Amino acid sequence: MGNPSFTNAGEYPVTVKVKRGSDVWQDTATVKITKRTANITVDDKEKFFDEADPALTGKIENLVDAGDLGTVTIREATRTKRLESIGKY
């Protein structure tokens, strides 16, 4: 029996076994893994009249491991028209 390995949040039963000489102690316990909130922040950008849209950038923080979310693509929301009035959005 190897070491347990858990990757998803939840509660998992485990068996703990201690052996000292000919004495063996065994008991069960529950491992509880709670969810962790990931933070995705998109950088502020500006665009001037008659310029192309700027590339969108951002950062992902608070992951346990770098690849926990797989591939994350930051892109603009689908727009119904490409010409907007000047202003803040």
PDB file of N, CA and C in Angstrom:
ATOM      1  N   MET A   1       0.865  -1.183   0.000  1.00  0.00           N
ATOM      2  CA  MET A   1       0.000   0.000   0.000  1.00  0.00           C
ATOM      3  C   MET A   1       0.900   1.231   0.000  1.00  0.00           C
ATOM      4  N   GLY A   2       0.672   2.144  -0.944  1.00  0.00           N
ATOM      5  CA  GLY A   2       1.486   3.348  -1.050  1.00  0.00           C
ATOM      6  C   GLY A   2       0.841   4.538  -0.365  1.00  0.00           C
ATOM      7  N   ASN A   3       1.471   5.671  -0.528  1.00  0.00           N
ATOM      8  CA  ASN A   3       0.924   6.904   0.042  1.00  0.00           C
ATOM      9  C   ASN A   3      -0.294   7.337  -0.749  1.00  0.00           C
ATOM     10  N   PRO A   4      -1.319   7.850  -0.070  1.00  0.00           N
ATOM     11  CA  PRO A   4      -2.506   8.317  -0.799  1.00  0.00           C
ATOM     12  C   PRO A   4      -2.191   9.579  -1.591  1.00  0.00           C
ATOM     13  N   SER A   5      -2.911   9.779  -2.680  1.00  0.00           N
ATOM     14  CA  SER A   5      -2.744  10.959  -3.519  1.00  0.00           C
ATOM     15  C   SER A   5      -4.134  11.496  -3.868  1.00  0.00           C
ATOM     16  N   PHE A   6      -4.373  12.756  -3.554  1.00  0.00           N
ATOM     17  CA  PHE A   6      -5.674  13.369  -3.808  1.00  0.00           C
ATOM     18  C   PHE A   6      -5.471  14.629  -4.638  1.00  0.00           C
ATOM     19  N   THR A   7      -6.347  14.875  -5.602  1.00  0.00           N
ATOM     20  CA  THR A   7      -6.219  16.070  -6.432  1.00  0.00           C
ATOM     21  C   THR A   7      -7.460  16.952  -6.416  1.00  0.00           C
ATOM     22  N   ASN A   8      -8.590  16.434  -6.042  1.00  0.00           N
ATOM     23  CA  ASN A   8      -9.826  17.222  -6.049  1.00  0.00           C
ATOM     24  C   ASN A   8     -10.285  17.509  -4.629  1.00  0.00           C
ATOM     25  N   ALA A   9     -11.003  18.628  -4.460  1.00  0.00           N
ATOM     26  CA  ALA A   9     -11.549  18.960  -3.155  1.00  0.00           C
ATOM     27  C   ALA A   9     -12.546  17.886  -2.748  1.00  0.00           C
ATOM     28  N   GLY A  10     -12.590  17.605  -1.467  1.00  0.00           N
ATOM     29  CA  GLY A  10     -13.525  16.602  -0.952  1.00  0.00           C
ATOM     30  C   GLY A  10     -12.998  15.991   0.323  1.00  0.00           C
ATOM     31  N   GLU A  11     -13.695  14.956   0.798  1.00  0.00           N
ATOM     32  CA  GLU A  11     -13.271  14.228   1.987  1.00  0.00           C
ATOM     33  C   GLU A  11     -12.935  12.803   1.588  1.00  0.00           C
ATOM     34  N   TYR A  12     -11.788  12.337   2.064  1.00  0.00           N
ATOM     35  CA  TYR A  12     -11.301  11.020   1.677  1.00  0.00           C
ATOM     36  C   TYR A  12     -10.905  10.224   2.921  1.00  0.00           C
ATOM     37  N   PRO A  13     -11.371   8.979   3.023  1.00  0.00           N
ATOM     38  CA  PRO A  13     -10.948   8.145   4.154  1.00  0.00           C
ATOM     39  C   PRO A  13      -9.541   7.596   3.895  1.00  0.00           C
ATOM     40  N   VAL A  14      -8.724   7.549   4.946  1.00  0.00           N
ATOM     41  CA  VAL A  14      -7.386   6.976   4.844  1.00  0.00           C
ATOM     42  C   VAL A  14      -7.179   6.023   6.018  1.00  0.00           C
ATOM     43  N   THR A  15      -6.319   5.078   5.811  1.00  0.00           N
ATOM     44  CA  THR A  15      -5.942   4.166   6.876  1.00  0.00           C
ATOM     45  C   THR A  15      -4.501   4.456   7.255  1.00  0.00           C
ATOM     46  N   VAL A  16      -4.286   4.633   8.551  1.00  0.00           N
ATOM     47  CA  VAL A  16      -2.949   4.902   9.066  1.00  0.00           C
ATOM     48  C   VAL A  16      -2.476   3.651   9.791  1.00  0.00           C
ATOM     49  N   LYS A  17      -1.284   3.199   9.429  1.00  0.00           N
ATOM     50  CA  LYS A  17      -0.743   1.978  10.018  1.00  0.00           C
ATOM     51  C   LYS A  17       0.662   2.265  10.532  1.00  0.00           C
ATOM     52  N   VAL A  18       0.910   1.945  11.801  1.00  0.00           N
ATOM     53  CA  VAL A  18       2.216   2.128  12.407  1.00  0.00           C
ATOM     54  C   VAL A  18       2.712   0.760  12.868  1.00  0.00           C
ATOM     55  N   LYS A  19       3.937   0.472  12.473  1.00  0.00           N
ATOM     56  CA  LYS A  19       4.530  -0.815  12.842  1.00  0.00           C
ATOM     57  C   LYS A  19       5.828  -0.551  13.598  1.00  0.00           C
ATOM     58  N   ARG A  20       5.915  -1.106  14.788  1.00  0.00           N
ATOM     59  CA  ARG A  20       7.132  -0.965  15.620  1.00  0.00           C
ATOM     60  C   ARG A  20       7.482  -2.339  16.158  1.00  0.00           C
ATOM     61  N   GLY A  21       8.523  -2.894  15.588  1.00  0.00           N
ATOM     62  CA  GLY A  21       8.879  -4.267  15.960  1.00  0.00           C
ATOM     63  C   GLY A  21       7.765  -5.201  15.530  1.00  0.00           C
ATOM     64  N   SER A  22       7.252  -5.962  16.487  1.00  0.00           N
ATOM     65  CA  SER A  22       6.135  -6.867  16.172  1.00  0.00           C
ATOM     66  C   SER A  22       4.783  -6.235  16.473  1.00  0.00           C
ATOM     67  N   ASP A  23       4.784  -4.997  17.019  1.00  0.00           N
ATOM     68  CA  ASP A  23       3.527  -4.310  17.341  1.00  0.00           C
ATOM     69  C   ASP A  23       3.036  -3.531  16.126  1.00  0.00           C
ATOM     70  N   VAL A  24       1.740  -3.605  15.868  1.00  0.00           N
ATOM     71  CA  VAL A  24       1.129  -2.887  14.748  1.00  0.00           C
ATOM     72  C   VAL A  24      -0.102  -2.146  15.260  1.00  0.00           C
ATOM     73  N   TRP A  25      -0.165  -0.848  14.954  1.00  0.00           N
ATOM     74  CA  TRP A  25      -1.346  -0.050  15.280  1.00  0.00           C
ATOM     75  C   TRP A  25      -1.945   0.441  13.976  1.00  0.00           C
ATOM     76  N   GLN A  26      -3.258   0.388  13.904  1.00  0.00           N
ATOM     77  CA  GLN A  26      -3.933   0.822  12.682  1.00  0.00           C
ATOM     78  C   GLN A  26      -5.194   1.581  13.059  1.00  0.00           C
ATOM     79  N   ASP A  27      -5.453   2.651  12.344  1.00  0.00           N
ATOM     80  CA  ASP A  27      -6.666   3.428  12.579  1.00  0.00           C
ATOM     81  C   ASP A  27      -7.057   4.094  11.264  1.00  0.00           C
ATOM     82  N   THR A  28      -8.279   4.580  11.209  1.00  0.00           N
ATOM     83  CA  THR A  28      -8.741   5.298  10.023  1.00  0.00           C
ATOM     84  C   THR A  28      -8.953   6.762  10.379  1.00  0.00           C
ATOM     85  N   ALA A  29      -8.831   7.597   9.379  1.00  0.00           N
ATOM     86  CA  ALA A  29      -9.036   9.033   9.546  1.00  0.00           C
ATOM     87  C   ALA A  29      -9.621   9.567   8.252  1.00  0.00           C
ATOM     88  N   THR A  30     -10.027  10.821   8.264  1.00  0.00           N
ATOM     89  CA  THR A  30     -10.561  11.469   7.074  1.00  0.00           C
ATOM     90  C   THR A  30      -9.680  12.650   6.717  1.00  0.00           C
ATOM     91  N   VAL A  31      -9.270  12.704   5.463  1.00  0.00           N
ATOM     92  CA  VAL A  31      -8.514  13.848   4.943  1.00  0.00           C
ATOM     93  C   VAL A  31      -9.530  14.759   4.257  1.00  0.00           C
ATOM     94  N   LYS A  32      -9.542  16.030   4.642  1.00  0.00           N
ATOM     95  CA  LYS A  32     -10.464  16.988   4.039  1.00  0.00           C
ATOM     96  C   LYS A  32      -9.664  18.006   3.246  1.00  0.00           C
ATOM     97  N   ILE A  33      -9.974  18.114   1.948  1.00  0.00           N
ATOM     98  CA  ILE A  33      -9.328  19.083   1.071  1.00  0.00           C
ATOM     99  C   ILE A  33     -10.384  20.108   0.676  1.00  0.00           C
ATOM    100  N   THR A  34     -10.131  21.370   1.015  1.00  0.00           N
ATOM    101  CA  THR A  34     -11.102  22.427   0.703  1.00  0.00           C
ATOM    102  C   THR A  34     -10.726  23.122  -0.601  1.00  0.00           C
ATOM    103  N   LYS A  35     -11.710  23.709  -1.246  1.00  0.00           N
ATOM    104  CA  LYS A  35     -11.484  24.439  -2.496  1.00  0.00           C
ATOM    105  C   LYS A  35     -10.676  25.696  -2.227  1.00  0.00           C
ATOM    106  N   ARG A  36      -9.924  26.107  -3.231  1.00  0.00           N
ATOM    107  CA  ARG A  36      -9.131  27.325  -3.154  1.00  0.00           C
ATOM    108  C   ARG A  36      -9.569  28.226  -4.300  1.00  0.00           C
ATOM    109  N   THR A  37      -9.765  29.501  -4.016  1.00  0.00           N
ATOM    110  CA  THR A  37     -10.211  30.444  -5.031  1.00  0.00           C
ATOM    111  C   THR A  37      -9.031  30.931  -5.863  1.00  0.00           C
ATOM    112  N   ALA A  38      -9.145  30.799  -7.170  1.00  0.00           N
ATOM    113  CA  ALA A  38      -8.126  31.333  -8.082  1.00  0.00           C
ATOM    114  C   ALA A  38      -8.502  32.768  -8.440  1.00  0.00           C
ATOM    115  N   ASN A  39      -7.499  33.621  -8.583  1.00  0.00           N
ATOM    116  CA  ASN A  39      -7.730  35.018  -8.959  1.00  0.00           C
ATOM    117  C   ASN A  39      -7.218  35.257 -10.369  1.00  0.00           C
ATOM    118  N   ILE A  40      -8.097  35.729 -11.248  1.00  0.00           N
ATOM    119  CA  ILE A  40      -7.721  36.079 -12.611  1.00  0.00           C
ATOM    120  C   ILE A  40      -7.960  37.578 -12.762  1.00  0.00           C
ATOM    121  N   THR A  41      -6.883  38.323 -13.044  1.00  0.00           N
ATOM    122  CA  THR A  41      -6.963  39.774 -13.169  1.00  0.00           C
ATOM    123  C   THR A  41      -6.537  40.177 -14.569  1.00  0.00           C
ATOM    124  N   VAL A  42      -7.378  40.939 -15.251  1.00  0.00           N
ATOM    125  CA  VAL A  42      -7.057  41.436 -16.586  1.00  0.00           C
ATOM    126  C   VAL A  42      -6.549  42.867 -16.442  1.00  0.00           C
ATOM    127  N   ASP A  43      -5.429  43.161 -17.109  1.00  0.00           N
ATOM    128  CA  ASP A  43      -4.822  44.491 -17.022  1.00  0.00           C
ATOM    129  C   ASP A  43      -5.677  45.540 -17.733  1.00  0.00           C
ATOM    130  N   ASP A  44      -5.700  46.759 -17.176  1.00  0.00           N
ATOM    131  CA  ASP A  44      -6.374  47.882 -17.823  1.00  0.00           C
ATOM    132  C   ASP A  44      -5.642  48.215 -19.123  1.00  0.00           C
ATOM    133  N   LYS A  45      -6.383  48.582 -20.127  1.00  0.00           N
ATOM    134  CA  LYS A  45      -5.815  48.975 -21.430  1.00  0.00           C
ATOM    135  C   LYS A  45      -6.532  50.225 -21.903  1.00  0.00           C
ATOM    136  N   GLU A  46      -5.908  50.917 -22.821  1.00  0.00           N
ATOM    137  CA  GLU A  46      -6.579  52.052 -23.441  1.00  0.00           C
ATOM    138  C   GLU A  46      -6.385  51.979 -24.949  1.00  0.00           C
ATOM    139  N   LYS A  47      -7.305  52.609 -25.626  1.00  0.00           N
ATOM    140  CA  LYS A  47      -7.294  52.592 -27.085  1.00  0.00           C
ATOM    141  C   LYS A  47      -7.694  53.987 -27.545  1.00  0.00           C
ATOM    142  N   PHE A  48      -6.983  54.480 -28.530  1.00  0.00           N
ATOM    143  CA  PHE A  48      -7.315  55.793 -29.073  1.00  0.00           C
ATOM    144  C   PHE A  48      -8.042  55.629 -30.399  1.00  0.00           C
ATOM    145  N   PHE A  49      -8.795  56.644 -30.742  1.00  0.00           N
ATOM    146  CA  PHE A  49      -9.605  56.614 -31.951  1.00  0.00           C
ATOM    147  C   PHE A  49      -8.790  56.165 -33.159  1.00  0.00           C
ATOM    148  N   ASP A  50      -9.349  55.289 -33.923  1.00  0.00           N
ATOM    149  CA  ASP A  50      -8.797  54.791 -35.171  1.00  0.00           C
ATOM    150  C   ASP A  50      -7.562  53.895 -34.985  1.00  0.00           C
ATOM    151  N   GLU A  51      -7.360  53.375 -33.761  1.00  0.00           N
ATOM    152  CA  GLU A  51      -6.279  52.429 -33.508  1.00  0.00           C
ATOM    153  C   GLU A  51      -6.837  51.013 -33.407  1.00  0.00           C
ATOM    154  N   ALA A  52      -5.953  50.065 -33.620  1.00  0.00           N
ATOM    155  CA  ALA A  52      -6.348  48.663 -33.451  1.00  0.00           C
ATOM    156  C   ALA A  52      -6.555  48.363 -31.966  1.00  0.00           C
ATOM    157  N   ASP A  53      -7.338  47.346 -31.683  1.00  0.00           N
ATOM    158  CA  ASP A  53      -7.548  46.939 -30.298  1.00  0.00           C
ATOM    159  C   ASP A  53      -6.214  46.500 -29.690  1.00  0.00           C
ATOM    160  N   PRO A  54      -5.942  46.876 -28.447  1.00  0.00           N
ATOM    161  CA  PRO A  54      -4.695  46.447 -27.803  1.00  0.00           C
ATOM    162  C   PRO A  54      -4.772  44.964 -27.422  1.00  0.00           C
ATOM    163  N   ALA A  55      -3.608  44.355 -27.327  1.00  0.00           N
ATOM    164  CA  ALA A  55      -3.566  42.962 -26.874  1.00  0.00           C
ATOM    165  C   ALA A  55      -3.976  42.919 -25.409  1.00  0.00           C
ATOM    166  N   LEU A  56      -4.779  41.961 -25.060  1.00  0.00           N
ATOM    167  CA  LEU A  56      -5.225  41.828 -23.677  1.00  0.00           C
ATOM    168  C   LEU A  56      -4.229  40.976 -22.901  1.00  0.00           C
ATOM    169  N   THR A  57      -3.906  41.416 -21.702  1.00  0.00           N
ATOM    170  CA  THR A  57      -2.971  40.702 -20.840  1.00  0.00           C
ATOM    171  C   THR A  57      -3.544  40.631 -19.439  1.00  0.00           C
ATOM    172  N   GLY A  58      -2.968  39.797 -18.637  1.00  0.00           N
ATOM    173  CA  GLY A  58      -3.430  39.679 -17.264  1.00  0.00           C
ATOM    174  C   GLY A  58      -2.589  38.673 -16.514  1.00  0.00           C
ATOM    175  N   LYS A  59      -3.046  38.318 -15.315  1.00  0.00           N
ATOM    176  CA  LYS A  59      -2.305  37.350 -14.523  1.00  0.00           C
ATOM    177  C   LYS A  59      -3.273  36.448 -13.766  1.00  0.00           C
ATOM    178  N   ILE A  60      -2.777  35.281 -13.452  1.00  0.00           N
ATOM    179  CA  ILE A  60      -3.536  34.289 -12.685  1.00  0.00           C
ATOM    180  C   ILE A  60      -2.752  34.021 -11.414  1.00  0.00           C
ATOM    181  N   GLU A  61      -3.418  34.151 -10.278  1.00  0.00           N
ATOM    182  CA  GLU A  61      -2.747  33.987  -8.991  1.00  0.00           C
ATOM    183  C   GLU A  61      -3.533  33.047  -8.079  1.00  0.00           C
ATOM    184  N   ASN A  62      -2.858  32.594  -7.052  1.00  0.00           N
ATOM    185  CA  ASN A  62      -3.426  31.787  -5.976  1.00  0.00           C
ATOM    186  C   ASN A  62      -3.709  30.344  -6.384  1.00  0.00           C
ATOM    187  N   LEU A  63      -2.933  29.829  -7.335  1.00  0.00           N
ATOM    188  CA  LEU A  63      -3.062  28.426  -7.697  1.00  0.00           C
ATOM    189  C   LEU A  63      -2.136  27.601  -6.821  1.00  0.00           C
ATOM    190  N   VAL A  64      -2.499  26.366  -6.590  1.00  0.00           N
ATOM    191  CA  VAL A  64      -1.615  25.462  -5.863  1.00  0.00           C
ATOM    192  C   VAL A  64      -0.441  25.104  -6.770  1.00  0.00           C
ATOM    193  N   ASP A  65      -0.738  24.701  -8.003  1.00  0.00           N
ATOM    194  CA  ASP A  65       0.281  24.406  -9.010  1.00  0.00           C
ATOM    195  C   ASP A  65      -0.005  25.252 -10.246  1.00  0.00           C
ATOM    196  N   ALA A  66       1.031  25.644 -10.954  1.00  0.00           N
ATOM    197  CA  ALA A  66       0.896  26.552 -12.102  1.00  0.00           C
ATOM    198  C   ALA A  66      -0.102  26.064 -13.149  1.00  0.00           C
ATOM    199  N   GLY A  67      -0.199  24.781 -13.389  1.00  0.00           N
ATOM    200  CA  GLY A  67      -1.078  24.265 -14.431  1.00  0.00           C
ATOM    201  C   GLY A  67      -2.460  23.843 -13.963  1.00  0.00           C
ATOM    202  N   ASP A  68      -2.862  24.248 -12.776  1.00  0.00           N
ATOM    203  CA  ASP A  68      -4.146  23.791 -12.226  1.00  0.00           C
ATOM    204  C   ASP A  68      -5.354  24.115 -13.088  1.00  0.00           C
ATOM    205  N   LEU A  69      -5.334  25.229 -13.797  1.00  0.00           N
ATOM    206  CA  LEU A  69      -6.481  25.613 -14.630  1.00  0.00           C
ATOM    207  C   LEU A  69      -6.312  25.184 -16.077  1.00  0.00           C
ATOM    208  N   GLY A  70      -5.206  24.543 -16.400  1.00  0.00           N
ATOM    209  CA  GLY A  70      -4.945  24.199 -17.797  1.00  0.00           C
ATOM    210  C   GLY A  70      -4.561  25.468 -18.548  1.00  0.00           C
ATOM    211  N   THR A  71      -4.938  25.558 -19.806  1.00  0.00           N
ATOM    212  CA  THR A  71      -4.620  26.727 -20.617  1.00  0.00           C
ATOM    213  C   THR A  71      -5.703  27.780 -20.434  1.00  0.00           C
ATOM    214  N   VAL A  72      -5.301  28.981 -20.065  1.00  0.00           N
ATOM    215  CA  VAL A  72      -6.246  30.089 -19.894  1.00  0.00           C
ATOM    216  C   VAL A  72      -5.953  31.121 -20.975  1.00  0.00           C
ATOM    217  N   THR A  73      -6.975  31.488 -21.734  1.00  0.00           N
ATOM    218  CA  THR A  73      -6.829  32.488 -22.787  1.00  0.00           C
ATOM    219  C   THR A  73      -7.627  33.719 -22.394  1.00  0.00           C
ATOM    220  N   ILE A  74      -6.960  34.862 -22.373  1.00  0.00           N
ATOM    221  CA  ILE A  74      -7.640  36.129 -22.075  1.00  0.00           C
ATOM    222  C   ILE A  74      -7.990  36.755 -23.412  1.00  0.00           C
ATOM    223  N   ARG A  75      -9.282  36.944 -23.645  1.00  0.00           N
ATOM    224  CA  ARG A  75      -9.717  37.515 -24.915  1.00  0.00           C
ATOM    225  C   ARG A  75     -10.890  38.436 -24.669  1.00  0.00           C
ATOM    226  N   GLU A  76     -11.166  39.257 -25.647  1.00  0.00           N
ATOM    227  CA  GLU A  76     -12.286  40.190 -25.514  1.00  0.00           C
ATOM    228  C   GLU A  76     -13.611  39.444 -25.640  1.00  0.00           C
ATOM    229  N   ALA A  77     -14.626  40.014 -25.038  1.00  0.00           N
ATOM    230  CA  ALA A  77     -15.967  39.462 -25.202  1.00  0.00           C
ATOM    231  C   ALA A  77     -16.406  39.696 -26.648  1.00  0.00           C
ATOM    232  N   THR A  78     -17.258  38.865 -27.141  1.00  0.00           N
ATOM    233  CA  THR A  78     -17.738  39.018 -28.511  1.00  0.00           C
ATOM    234  C   THR A  78     -18.571  40.295 -28.611  1.00  0.00           C
ATOM    235  N   ARG A  79     -18.229  41.103 -29.586  1.00  0.00           N
ATOM    236  CA  ARG A  79     -18.971  42.350 -29.795  1.00  0.00           C
ATOM    237  C   ARG A  79     -19.862  42.201 -31.013  1.00  0.00           C
ATOM    238  N   THR A  80     -20.998  42.864 -30.970  1.00  0.00           N
ATOM    239  CA  THR A  80     -21.915  42.794 -32.107  1.00  0.00           C
ATOM    240  C   THR A  80     -21.517  43.752 -33.213  1.00  0.00           C
ATOM    241  N   LYS A  81     -20.795  44.811 -32.861  1.00  0.00           N
ATOM    242  CA  LYS A  81     -20.301  45.735 -33.883  1.00  0.00           C
ATOM    243  C   LYS A  81     -18.908  46.196 -33.490  1.00  0.00           C
ATOM    244  N   ARG A  82     -18.057  46.452 -34.446  1.00  0.00           N
ATOM    245  CA  ARG A  82     -16.667  46.793 -34.186  1.00  0.00           C
ATOM    246  C   ARG A  82     -16.457  48.284 -33.943  1.00  0.00           C
ATOM    247  N   LEU A  83     -17.432  49.110 -34.267  1.00  0.00           N
ATOM    248  CA  LEU A  83     -17.260  50.548 -34.112  1.00  0.00           C
ATOM    249  C   LEU A  83     -18.063  51.026 -32.909  1.00  0.00           C
ATOM    250  N   GLU A  84     -17.377  51.439 -31.864  1.00  0.00           N
ATOM    251  CA  GLU A  84     -18.063  51.923 -30.687  1.00  0.00           C
ATOM    252  C   GLU A  84     -17.875  53.432 -30.556  1.00  0.00           C
ATOM    253  N   SER A  85     -18.724  54.035 -29.790  1.00  0.00           N
ATOM    254  CA  SER A  85     -18.569  55.458 -29.513  1.00  0.00           C
ATOM    255  C   SER A  85     -17.401  55.639 -28.549  1.00  0.00           C
ATOM    256  N   ILE A  86     -16.824  56.823 -28.575  1.00  0.00           N
ATOM    257  CA  ILE A  86     -15.736  57.130 -27.664  1.00  0.00           C
ATOM    258  C   ILE A  86     -16.302  57.185 -26.257  1.00  0.00           C
ATOM    259  N   GLY A  87     -15.583  56.613 -25.290  1.00  0.00           N
ATOM    260  CA  GLY A  87     -16.043  56.623 -23.902  1.00  0.00           C
ATOM    261  C   GLY A  87     -15.339  55.553 -23.097  1.00  0.00           C
ATOM    262  N   LYS A  88     -15.756  55.387 -21.862  1.00  0.00           N
ATOM    263  CA  LYS A  88     -15.204  54.356 -20.987  1.00  0.00           C
ATOM    264  C   LYS A  88     -16.125  53.154 -20.977  1.00  0.00           C
ATOM    265  N   TYR A  89     -15.539  51.987 -20.963  1.00  0.00           N
ATOM    266  CA  TYR A  89     -16.326  50.764 -20.953  1.00  0.00           C
ATOM    267  C   TYR A  89     -15.860  49.878 -19.832  1.00  0.00           C
TER     268      TYR A  89
END
